[in-house]
Amino acid sequence: MIEKRYIISDAAKMVEVESHVLRYWEDELGIVIPRNEMGHRYYTDFYIDLLRKVKELKDSGFQLKAIKLLIPSLMEGEDISVGHNPLTQSTETGNQLRTEGNSHINNQESDSAGSNKMQYFRQIMGDIVLEAVRKNNEEIKTVVEDNGRNVSDSVIKQVDYLLRIKEEREEERFKKMDEIIRNYQQSKKEAAMTREKGKKKRWGK
């Protein structure tokens, strides 16, 4: 079966983002998109699904630094869907998930899975917080417990805010670069058409 290939504009429509956003994600997340013999990106169904998962995590409130840690698992096909935003989920809700299922085995398994998933994402955010603290120790004050793995919601929100601002600035930069490239390509195309018209007039065609 022949593998379907999509150009970046079609891929962007399928993922429901702008083309420059795809380029930005690929750069920030280290996703290597294959290229054809002309050097142009092409996207297979595998990469479309991968980028859709990235968008799902972004829409759930995760920053790219957190998503980058999940890319290896996503590329192996692991299901990492998120039904809530862990950045705003309270500790009380996590405790409730652990206690609600005591009366039934199935509920216990479900609550345990939810608690483990929350703990997993909090661990990821804890790593990001520690890295952010090292780089921005004058801007962020944090309380880190249990070898730096568990961080308070307030700290996570502070780091999330700083990372979101940085991402918005970087995304805007990619958008401007994308516009410059398109304008340059359009000007080259118009210049070529002008030269072609000049040749036709010169030769009386």
C-alpha atoms as a PDB file:
ATOM      1  CA  MET A   1       0.000   0.000   0.000  1.00  0.00           C
ATOM      2  CA  ILE A   2       1.375   3.392  -1.019  1.00  0.00           C
ATOM      3  CA  GLU A   3       2.008   5.698   1.921  1.00  0.00           C
ATOM      4  CA  LYS A   4       0.029   8.930   1.740  1.00  0.00           C
ATOM      5  CA  ARG A   5       2.035  12.137   1.858  1.00  0.00           C
ATOM      6  CA  TYR A   6       0.724  15.592   2.715  1.00  0.00           C
ATOM      7  CA  ILE A   7       2.314  18.999   2.193  1.00  0.00           C
ATOM      8  CA  ILE A   8       2.595  21.313   5.191  1.00  0.00           C
ATOM      9  CA  SER A   9      -0.486  23.389   4.322  1.00  0.00           C
ATOM     10  CA  ASP A  10      -2.660  20.258   4.164  1.00  0.00           C
ATOM     11  CA  ALA A  11      -1.111  18.890   7.356  1.00  0.00           C
ATOM     12  CA  ALA A  12      -1.821  22.177   9.141  1.00  0.00           C
ATOM     13  CA  LYS A  13      -5.489  21.986   8.122  1.00  0.00           C
ATOM     14  CA  MET A  14      -5.743  18.393   9.349  1.00  0.00           C
ATOM     15  CA  VAL A  15      -4.214  19.291  12.716  1.00  0.00           C
ATOM     16  CA  GLU A  16      -6.265  22.534  12.777  1.00  0.00           C
ATOM     17  CA  VAL A  17      -3.365  24.936  13.309  1.00  0.00           C
ATOM     18  CA  GLU A  18      -1.416  27.389  11.153  1.00  0.00           C
ATOM     19  CA  SER A  19       1.594  26.224   9.128  1.00  0.00           C
ATOM     20  CA  HIS A  20       4.002  28.326  11.183  1.00  0.00           C
ATOM     21  CA  VAL A  21       2.705  26.642  14.339  1.00  0.00           C
ATOM     22  CA  LEU A  22       3.664  23.231  12.952  1.00  0.00           C
ATOM     23  CA  ARG A  23       7.146  24.496  12.139  1.00  0.00           C
ATOM     24  CA  TYR A  24       7.450  25.958  15.630  1.00  0.00           C
ATOM     25  CA  TRP A  25       6.333  22.736  17.309  1.00  0.00           C
ATOM     26  CA  GLU A  26       8.709  20.655  15.200  1.00  0.00           C
ATOM     27  CA  ASP A  27      11.614  22.917  16.138  1.00  0.00           C
ATOM     28  CA  GLU A  28      10.800  23.077  19.854  1.00  0.00           C
ATOM     29  CA  LEU A  29       9.922  19.390  20.245  1.00  0.00           C
ATOM     30  CA  GLY A  30      12.738  18.034  18.093  1.00  0.00           C
ATOM     31  CA  ILE A  31      10.366  16.258  15.709  1.00  0.00           C
ATOM     32  CA  VAL A  32      12.223  15.421  12.497  1.00  0.00           C
ATOM     33  CA  ILE A  33       9.769  15.584   9.606  1.00  0.00           C
ATOM     34  CA  PRO A  34      10.896  13.703   6.462  1.00  0.00           C
ATOM     35  CA  ARG A  35      11.630  15.645   3.280  1.00  0.00           C
ATOM     36  CA  ASN A  36      11.339  14.780  -0.381  1.00  0.00           C
ATOM     37  CA  GLU A  37      14.027  15.004  -3.049  1.00  0.00           C
ATOM     38  CA  MET A  38      13.303  18.736  -3.398  1.00  0.00           C
ATOM     39  CA  GLY A  39      13.925  19.311   0.301  1.00  0.00           C
ATOM     40  CA  HIS A  40      10.262  20.032   1.088  1.00  0.00           C
ATOM     41  CA  ARG A  41       8.552  18.656   4.172  1.00  0.00           C
ATOM     42  CA  TYR A  42       6.005  15.917   3.722  1.00  0.00           C
ATOM     43  CA  TYR A  43       3.755  14.482   6.405  1.00  0.00           C
ATOM     44  CA  THR A  44       2.509  10.907   6.676  1.00  0.00           C
ATOM     45  CA  ASP A  45      -0.512   9.754   8.679  1.00  0.00           C
ATOM     46  CA  PHE A  46       1.900   8.835  11.501  1.00  0.00           C
ATOM     47  CA  TYR A  47       3.093  12.431  11.860  1.00  0.00           C
ATOM     48  CA  ILE A  48      -0.432  13.811  11.485  1.00  0.00           C
ATOM     49  CA  ASP A  49      -1.556  11.652  14.430  1.00  0.00           C
ATOM     50  CA  LEU A  50       1.529  12.653  16.439  1.00  0.00           C
ATOM     51  CA  LEU A  51       0.893  16.363  15.910  1.00  0.00           C
ATOM     52  CA  ARG A  52      -2.779  15.933  16.775  1.00  0.00           C
ATOM     53  CA  LYS A  53      -1.714  14.440  20.110  1.00  0.00           C
ATOM     54  CA  VAL A  54       0.608  17.403  20.636  1.00  0.00           C
ATOM     55  CA  LYS A  55      -2.313  19.753  19.986  1.00  0.00           C
ATOM     56  CA  GLU A  56      -4.500  17.803  22.416  1.00  0.00           C
ATOM     57  CA  LEU A  57      -1.897  18.209  25.149  1.00  0.00           C
ATOM     58  CA  LYS A  58      -1.441  21.903  24.301  1.00  0.00           C
ATOM     59  CA  ASP A  59      -5.195  22.453  24.475  1.00  0.00           C
ATOM     60  CA  SER A  60      -5.194  20.702  27.862  1.00  0.00           C
ATOM     61  CA  GLY A  61      -2.748  23.273  29.226  1.00  0.00           C
ATOM     62  CA  PHE A  62       0.635  21.604  28.799  1.00  0.00           C
ATOM     63  CA  GLN A  63       3.614  23.669  27.722  1.00  0.00           C
ATOM     64  CA  LEU A  64       5.973  22.431  25.013  1.00  0.00           C
ATOM     65  CA  LYS A  65       8.745  21.728  27.540  1.00  0.00           C
ATOM     66  CA  ALA A  66       6.469  19.174  29.203  1.00  0.00           C
ATOM     67  CA  ILE A  67       5.223  17.739  25.915  1.00  0.00           C
ATOM     68  CA  LYS A  68       8.802  17.301  24.690  1.00  0.00           C
ATOM     69  CA  LEU A  69       9.409  14.800  27.497  1.00  0.00           C
ATOM     70  CA  LEU A  70       6.433  12.794  26.242  1.00  0.00           C
ATOM     71  CA  ILE A  71       7.422  12.734  22.548  1.00  0.00           C
ATOM     72  CA  PRO A  72       9.334   9.404  22.740  1.00  0.00           C
ATOM     73  CA  SER A  73       6.269   7.729  24.273  1.00  0.00           C
ATOM     74  CA  LEU A  74       3.930   9.370  21.763  1.00  0.00           C
ATOM     75  CA  MET A  75       6.094   8.216  18.854  1.00  0.00           C
ATOM     76  CA  GLU A  76       5.937   4.659  20.184  1.00  0.00           C
ATOM     77  CA  GLY A  77       2.159   4.857  20.067  1.00  0.00           C
ATOM     78  CA  GLU A  78       1.473   5.051  23.788  1.00  0.00           C
ATOM     79  CA  ASP A  79      -1.901   6.549  24.714  1.00  0.00           C
ATOM     80  CA  ILE A  80      -1.326   9.723  26.723  1.00  0.00           C
ATOM     81  CA  SER A  81      -4.698  11.412  26.504  1.00  0.00           C
ATOM     82  CA  VAL A  82      -5.648  14.033  29.069  1.00  0.00           C
ATOM     83  CA  GLY A  83      -9.182  14.689  30.199  1.00  0.00           C
ATOM     84  CA  HIS A  84      -8.321  17.640  32.407  1.00  0.00           C
ATOM     85  CA  ASN A  85      -5.687  20.278  32.937  1.00  0.00           C
ATOM     86  CA  PRO A  86      -3.181  18.992  35.532  1.00  0.00           C
ATOM     87  CA  LEU A  87      -1.817  22.488  36.050  1.00  0.00           C
ATOM     88  CA  THR A  88      -5.038  23.586  37.704  1.00  0.00           C
ATOM     89  CA  GLN A  89      -6.082  20.279  39.260  1.00  0.00           C
ATOM     90  CA  SER A  90      -6.088  20.591  43.055  1.00  0.00           C
ATOM     91  CA  THR A  91      -4.416  18.188  45.459  1.00  0.00           C
ATOM     92  CA  GLU A  92      -7.788  17.585  47.098  1.00  0.00           C
ATOM     93  CA  THR A  93      -9.179  16.185  43.860  1.00  0.00           C
ATOM     94  CA  GLY A  94      -6.204  13.843  43.595  1.00  0.00           C
ATOM     95  CA  ASN A  95      -6.825  12.616  47.136  1.00  0.00           C
ATOM     96  CA  GLN A  96     -10.492  12.128  46.329  1.00  0.00           C
ATOM     97  CA  LEU A  97      -9.576   9.940  43.364  1.00  0.00           C
ATOM     98  CA  ARG A  98      -7.553   7.718  45.685  1.00  0.00           C
ATOM     99  CA  THR A  99     -10.348   7.282  48.255  1.00  0.00           C
ATOM    100  CA  GLU A 100     -13.573   7.100  46.237  1.00  0.00           C
ATOM    101  CA  GLY A 101     -13.028   3.542  45.034  1.00  0.00           C
ATOM    102  CA  ASN A 102     -12.522   1.808  48.379  1.00  0.00           C
ATOM    103  CA  SER A 103     -15.929   0.124  48.139  1.00  0.00           C
ATOM    104  CA  HIS A 104     -15.357  -1.543  44.761  1.00  0.00           C
ATOM    105  CA  ILE A 105     -12.372  -3.207  43.052  1.00  0.00           C
ATOM    106  CA  ASN A 106     -13.044  -1.672  39.641  1.00  0.00           C
ATOM    107  CA  ASN A 107     -13.319   1.773  41.140  1.00  0.00           C
ATOM    108  CA  GLN A 108     -10.071   1.207  43.008  1.00  0.00           C
ATOM    109  CA  GLU A 109      -8.280   0.364  39.778  1.00  0.00           C
ATOM    110  CA  SER A 110      -9.748   3.384  37.999  1.00  0.00           C
ATOM    111  CA  ASP A 111      -8.857   5.773  40.807  1.00  0.00           C
ATOM    112  CA  SER A 112      -5.357   4.340  41.079  1.00  0.00           C
ATOM    113  CA  ALA A 113      -4.796   4.841  37.354  1.00  0.00           C
ATOM    114  CA  GLY A 114      -6.003   8.429  37.568  1.00  0.00           C
ATOM    115  CA  SER A 115      -3.799   9.100  40.577  1.00  0.00           C
ATOM    116  CA  ASN A 116      -0.762   7.567  38.873  1.00  0.00           C
ATOM    117  CA  LYS A 117      -1.348   9.649  35.763  1.00  0.00           C
ATOM    118  CA  MET A 118      -1.580  12.823  37.854  1.00  0.00           C
ATOM    119  CA  GLN A 119       1.598  11.877  39.714  1.00  0.00           C
ATOM    120  CA  TYR A 120       3.349  11.182  36.396  1.00  0.00           C
ATOM    121  CA  PHE A 121       2.467  14.590  34.958  1.00  0.00           C
ATOM    122  CA  ARG A 122       3.334  16.336  38.237  1.00  0.00           C
ATOM    123  CA  GLN A 123       6.743  14.667  38.125  1.00  0.00           C
ATOM    124  CA  ILE A 124       7.274  16.025  34.622  1.00  0.00           C
ATOM    125  CA  MET A 125       6.248  19.501  35.721  1.00  0.00           C
ATOM    126  CA  GLY A 126       8.552  19.148  38.732  1.00  0.00           C
ATOM    127  CA  ASP A 127      11.519  18.551  36.433  1.00  0.00           C
ATOM    128  CA  ILE A 128      10.574  21.595  34.380  1.00  0.00           C
ATOM    129  CA  VAL A 129      10.200  23.742  37.491  1.00  0.00           C
ATOM    130  CA  LEU A 130      13.652  22.751  38.718  1.00  0.00           C
ATOM    131  CA  GLU A 131      15.164  23.639  35.352  1.00  0.00           C
ATOM    132  CA  ALA A 132      13.284  26.949  35.303  1.00  0.00           C
ATOM    133  CA  VAL A 133      14.448  27.747  38.826  1.00  0.00           C
ATOM    134  CA  ARG A 134      18.051  27.188  37.840  1.00  0.00           C
ATOM    135  CA  LYS A 135      17.686  29.581  34.906  1.00  0.00           C
ATOM    136  CA  ASN A 136      15.352  32.118  36.509  1.00  0.00           C
ATOM    137  CA  ASN A 137      16.197  31.984  40.220  1.00  0.00           C
ATOM    138  CA  GLU A 138      15.570  35.722  40.593  1.00  0.00           C
ATOM    139  CA  GLU A 139      12.051  35.440  39.170  1.00  0.00           C
ATOM    140  CA  ILE A 140      10.729  32.243  40.718  1.00  0.00           C
ATOM    141  CA  LYS A 141      10.564  31.173  44.361  1.00  0.00           C
ATOM    142  CA  THR A 142       9.640  27.569  45.013  1.00  0.00           C
ATOM    143  CA  VAL A 143       9.222  24.957  47.701  1.00  0.00           C
ATOM    144  CA  VAL A 144      10.396  21.562  46.485  1.00  0.00           C
ATOM    145  CA  GLU A 145       9.787  18.427  48.543  1.00  0.00           C
ATOM    146  CA  ASP A 146      10.671  14.761  48.172  1.00  0.00           C
ATOM    147  CA  ASN A 147      13.911  15.318  46.287  1.00  0.00           C
ATOM    148  CA  GLY A 148      12.377  18.036  44.174  1.00  0.00           C
ATOM    149  CA  ARG A 149       9.655  15.871  42.645  1.00  0.00           C
ATOM    150  CA  ASN A 150       6.541  17.315  44.272  1.00  0.00           C
ATOM    151  CA  VAL A 151       5.846  20.994  43.717  1.00  0.00           C
ATOM    152  CA  SER A 152       2.989  23.202  44.844  1.00  0.00           C
ATOM    153  CA  ASP A 153       0.219  24.276  42.489  1.00  0.00           C
ATOM    154  CA  SER A 154       1.181  27.936  42.915  1.00  0.00           C
ATOM    155  CA  VAL A 155       4.731  27.265  41.709  1.00  0.00           C
ATOM    156  CA  ILE A 156       3.480  25.250  38.749  1.00  0.00           C
ATOM    157  CA  LYS A 157       1.178  28.119  37.792  1.00  0.00           C
ATOM    158  CA  GLN A 158       4.052  30.616  38.003  1.00  0.00           C
ATOM    159  CA  VAL A 159       6.265  28.492  35.783  1.00  0.00           C
ATOM    160  CA  ASP A 160       3.369  27.789  33.436  1.00  0.00           C
ATOM    161  CA  TYR A 161       2.788  31.533  33.090  1.00  0.00           C
ATOM    162  CA  LEU A 162       6.455  32.251  32.320  1.00  0.00           C
ATOM    163  CA  LEU A 163       6.697  29.404  29.826  1.00  0.00           C
ATOM    164  CA  ARG A 164       3.436  30.441  28.157  1.00  0.00           C
ATOM    165  CA  ILE A 165       4.755  33.986  27.632  1.00  0.00           C
ATOM    166  CA  LYS A 166       7.975  32.611  26.170  1.00  0.00           C
ATOM    167  CA  GLU A 167       6.081  30.264  23.838  1.00  0.00           C
ATOM    168  CA  GLU A 168       3.773  33.034  22.662  1.00  0.00           C
ATOM    169  CA  ARG A 169       6.773  35.209  21.818  1.00  0.00           C
ATOM    170  CA  GLU A 170       8.517  32.373  19.989  1.00  0.00           C
ATOM    171  CA  GLU A 171       5.345  31.445  18.112  1.00  0.00           C
ATOM    172  CA  GLU A 172       4.877  35.064  17.056  1.00  0.00           C
ATOM    173  CA  ARG A 173       8.478  35.099  15.812  1.00  0.00           C
ATOM    174  CA  PHE A 174       7.856  31.981  13.726  1.00  0.00           C
ATOM    175  CA  LYS A 175       4.679  33.556  12.354  1.00  0.00           C
ATOM    176  CA  LYS A 176       6.575  36.653  11.222  1.00  0.00           C
ATOM    177  CA  MET A 177       9.308  34.511   9.671  1.00  0.00           C
ATOM    178  CA  ASP A 178       6.658  32.521   7.822  1.00  0.00           C
ATOM    179  CA  GLU A 179       5.126  35.731   6.451  1.00  0.00           C
ATOM    180  CA  ILE A 180       8.548  37.005   5.344  1.00  0.00           C
ATOM    181  CA  ILE A 181       9.275  33.743   3.519  1.00  0.00           C
ATOM    182  CA  ARG A 182       5.893  33.779   1.768  1.00  0.00           C
ATOM    183  CA  ASN A 183       6.277  37.429   0.757  1.00  0.00           C
ATOM    184  CA  TYR A 184       9.767  36.716  -0.574  1.00  0.00           C
ATOM    185  CA  GLN A 185       8.528  33.747  -2.598  1.00  0.00           C
ATOM    186  CA  GLN A 186       5.634  35.807  -3.946  1.00  0.00           C
ATOM    187  CA  SER A 187       7.952  38.670  -4.954  1.00  0.00           C
ATOM    188  CA  LYS A 188      10.241  36.215  -6.769  1.00  0.00           C
ATOM    189  CA  LYS A 189       7.249  34.764  -8.586  1.00  0.00           C
ATOM    190  CA  GLU A 190       6.002  38.215  -9.612  1.00  0.00           C
ATOM    191  CA  ALA A 191       9.502  39.240 -10.749  1.00  0.00           C
ATOM    192  CA  ALA A 192       9.763  36.103 -12.881  1.00  0.00           C
ATOM    193  CA  MET A 193       6.374  36.820 -14.468  1.00  0.00           C
ATOM    194  CA  THR A 194       7.446  40.406 -15.204  1.00  0.00           C
ATOM    195  CA  ARG A 195      10.638  39.210 -16.893  1.00  0.00           C
ATOM    196  CA  GLU A 196       8.684  36.698 -18.942  1.00  0.00           C
ATOM    197  CA  LYS A 197       6.261  39.390 -20.127  1.00  0.00           C
ATOM    198  CA  GLY A 198       9.222  41.600 -21.056  1.00  0.00           C
ATOM    199  CA  LYS A 199      10.721  38.837 -23.181  1.00  0.00           C
ATOM    200  CA  LYS A 200       7.442  38.273 -25.005  1.00  0.00           C
ATOM    201  CA  LYS A 201       7.103  41.983 -25.811  1.00  0.00           C
ATOM    202  CA  ARG A 202      10.705  42.139 -27.011  1.00  0.00           C
ATOM    203  CA  TRP A 203      10.206  39.287 -29.442  1.00  0.00           C
ATOM    204  CA  GLY A 204       6.750  40.415 -30.463  1.00  0.00           C
ATOM    205  CA  LYS A 205       5.007  37.380 -29.117  1.00  0.00           C
END
